[in-house]
Amino acid sequence: MPTVYRKVETPEEICDALLLAAKYIPKERLGATDDCGFSPFSTDKKPTHKDGDPDFARDIAFQKIKARVEGAQLASQKLGF
């Protein structure tokens, strides 16, 4: 899942991607991890945004990480781990 875009994938989207990958990669060797990509957020400059909108920097990165963890947990359950 791209880390440089503002869209935060749902845990279900992450799960679906992992289940698809499990068709081609032995599930014992499959993992979900961040592969860099958050470096554009490293300076954590706060752009002007409307109140309540997620920040384009650190907030988005943490939301993506949270979705990845939850999606990986869903996939683990469906794969029998």
C-alpha atoms as a PDB file:
ATOM      1  CA  MET A   1       0.000   0.000   0.000  1.00  0.00           C
ATOM      2  CA  PRO A   2       1.478   3.359  -0.943  1.00  0.00           C
ATOM      3  CA  THR A   3       2.711   5.386   2.003  1.00  0.00           C
ATOM      4  CA  VAL A   4       3.066   8.692   0.187  1.00  0.00           C
ATOM      5  CA  TYR A   5      -0.642   9.228  -0.485  1.00  0.00           C
ATOM      6  CA  ARG A   6      -3.083  10.792   1.922  1.00  0.00           C
ATOM      7  CA  LYS A   7      -5.656   7.958   1.577  1.00  0.00           C
ATOM      8  CA  VAL A   8      -5.637   5.630   4.572  1.00  0.00           C
ATOM      9  CA  GLU A   9      -6.531   2.100   3.594  1.00  0.00           C
ATOM     10  CA  THR A  10      -9.064   0.261   5.733  1.00  0.00           C
ATOM     11  CA  PRO A  11      -8.011  -2.794   7.733  1.00  0.00           C
ATOM     12  CA  GLU A  12     -10.242  -4.811   5.394  1.00  0.00           C
ATOM     13  CA  GLU A  13      -8.316  -3.555   2.338  1.00  0.00           C
ATOM     14  CA  ILE A  14      -5.045  -4.529   3.995  1.00  0.00           C
ATOM     15  CA  CYS A  15      -6.479  -7.939   4.906  1.00  0.00           C
ATOM     16  CA  ASP A  16      -7.666  -8.517   1.337  1.00  0.00           C
ATOM     17  CA  ALA A  17      -4.233  -7.627  -0.057  1.00  0.00           C
ATOM     18  CA  LEU A  18      -2.558 -10.060   2.335  1.00  0.00           C
ATOM     19  CA  LEU A  19      -5.021 -12.846   1.518  1.00  0.00           C
ATOM     20  CA  LEU A  20      -4.347 -12.294  -2.184  1.00  0.00           C
ATOM     21  CA  ALA A  21      -0.593 -12.433  -1.569  1.00  0.00           C
ATOM     22  CA  ALA A  22      -1.073 -15.675   0.404  1.00  0.00           C
ATOM     23  CA  LYS A  23      -2.202 -17.329  -2.826  1.00  0.00           C
ATOM     24  CA  TYR A  24       1.317 -16.861  -4.202  1.00  0.00           C
ATOM     25  CA  ILE A  25       3.547 -16.716  -1.127  1.00  0.00           C
ATOM     26  CA  PRO A  26       3.594 -19.444   1.532  1.00  0.00           C
ATOM     27  CA  LYS A  27       1.633 -18.006   4.439  1.00  0.00           C
ATOM     28  CA  GLU A  28       4.462 -18.901   6.820  1.00  0.00           C
ATOM     29  CA  ARG A  29       6.696 -16.468   4.894  1.00  0.00           C
ATOM     30  CA  LEU A  30       4.144 -13.695   4.471  1.00  0.00           C
ATOM     31  CA  GLY A  31       4.379 -10.566   6.575  1.00  0.00           C
ATOM     32  CA  ALA A  32       3.062  -7.032   6.743  1.00  0.00           C
ATOM     33  CA  THR A  33       5.523  -4.310   7.566  1.00  0.00           C
ATOM     34  CA  ASP A  34       6.297  -0.710   6.753  1.00  0.00           C
ATOM     35  CA  ASP A  35       8.847  -0.484   3.983  1.00  0.00           C
ATOM     36  CA  CYS A  36      10.108   3.026   4.516  1.00  0.00           C
ATOM     37  CA  GLY A  37       8.113   5.534   2.499  1.00  0.00           C
ATOM     38  CA  PHE A  38       7.112   7.716   5.432  1.00  0.00           C
ATOM     39  CA  SER A  39      10.207   9.875   4.888  1.00  0.00           C
ATOM     40  CA  PRO A  40       8.174  12.684   3.274  1.00  0.00           C
ATOM     41  CA  PHE A  41       6.615  13.049   6.707  1.00  0.00           C
ATOM     42  CA  SER A  42       9.951  13.225   8.531  1.00  0.00           C
ATOM     43  CA  THR A  43       9.970  17.001   8.982  1.00  0.00           C
ATOM     44  CA  ASP A  44       6.369  16.863  10.223  1.00  0.00           C
ATOM     45  CA  LYS A  45       5.592  20.325   8.884  1.00  0.00           C
ATOM     46  CA  LYS A  46       1.976  21.125   9.617  1.00  0.00           C
ATOM     47  CA  PRO A  47       0.239  22.297   6.447  1.00  0.00           C
ATOM     48  CA  THR A  48      -2.778  24.521   6.712  1.00  0.00           C
ATOM     49  CA  HIS A  49      -5.807  22.268   6.955  1.00  0.00           C
ATOM     50  CA  LYS A  50      -9.398  22.549   8.106  1.00  0.00           C
ATOM     51  CA  ASP A  51     -10.170  21.806  11.735  1.00  0.00           C
ATOM     52  CA  GLY A  52     -10.850  18.123  12.118  1.00  0.00           C
ATOM     53  CA  ASP A  53      -9.062  17.118   8.912  1.00  0.00           C
ATOM     54  CA  PRO A  54      -6.218  14.691   9.439  1.00  0.00           C
ATOM     55  CA  ASP A  55      -2.794  16.266   9.257  1.00  0.00           C
ATOM     56  CA  PHE A  56      -0.889  15.417   6.096  1.00  0.00           C
ATOM     57  CA  ALA A  57       2.146  14.345   8.090  1.00  0.00           C
ATOM     58  CA  ARG A  58       2.510  12.265  11.203  1.00  0.00           C
ATOM     59  CA  ASP A  59      -1.227  11.739  11.766  1.00  0.00           C
ATOM     60  CA  ILE A  60      -1.602  10.069   8.363  1.00  0.00           C
ATOM     61  CA  ALA A  61       1.463   7.891   8.925  1.00  0.00           C
ATOM     62  CA  PHE A  62       0.136   6.642  12.267  1.00  0.00           C
ATOM     63  CA  GLN A  63      -3.322   6.002  10.811  1.00  0.00           C
ATOM     64  CA  LYS A  64      -1.739   3.901   8.053  1.00  0.00           C
ATOM     65  CA  ILE A  65       0.311   1.944  10.581  1.00  0.00           C
ATOM     66  CA  LYS A  66      -2.784   1.302  12.721  1.00  0.00           C
ATOM     67  CA  ALA A  67      -4.739   0.062   9.674  1.00  0.00           C
ATOM     68  CA  ARG A  68      -1.840  -2.209   8.691  1.00  0.00           C
ATOM     69  CA  VAL A  69      -1.678  -3.784  12.132  1.00  0.00           C
ATOM     70  CA  GLU A  70      -5.443  -4.325  12.291  1.00  0.00           C
ATOM     71  CA  GLY A  71      -5.535  -5.667   8.720  1.00  0.00           C
ATOM     72  CA  ALA A  72      -2.676  -8.060   9.430  1.00  0.00           C
ATOM     73  CA  GLN A  73      -4.515  -9.336  12.509  1.00  0.00           C
ATOM     74  CA  LEU A  74      -7.640  -9.984  10.413  1.00  0.00           C
ATOM     75  CA  ALA A  75      -5.597 -11.805   7.770  1.00  0.00           C
ATOM     76  CA  SER A  76      -3.812 -13.862  10.427  1.00  0.00           C
ATOM     77  CA  GLN A  77      -7.140 -15.050  11.793  1.00  0.00           C
ATOM     78  CA  LYS A  78      -8.429 -15.940   8.311  1.00  0.00           C
ATOM     79  CA  LEU A  79      -5.192 -17.775   7.493  1.00  0.00           C
ATOM     80  CA  GLY A  80      -5.367 -19.788  10.708  1.00  0.00           C
ATOM     81  CA  PHE A  81      -2.609 -18.146  12.731  1.00  0.00           C
END
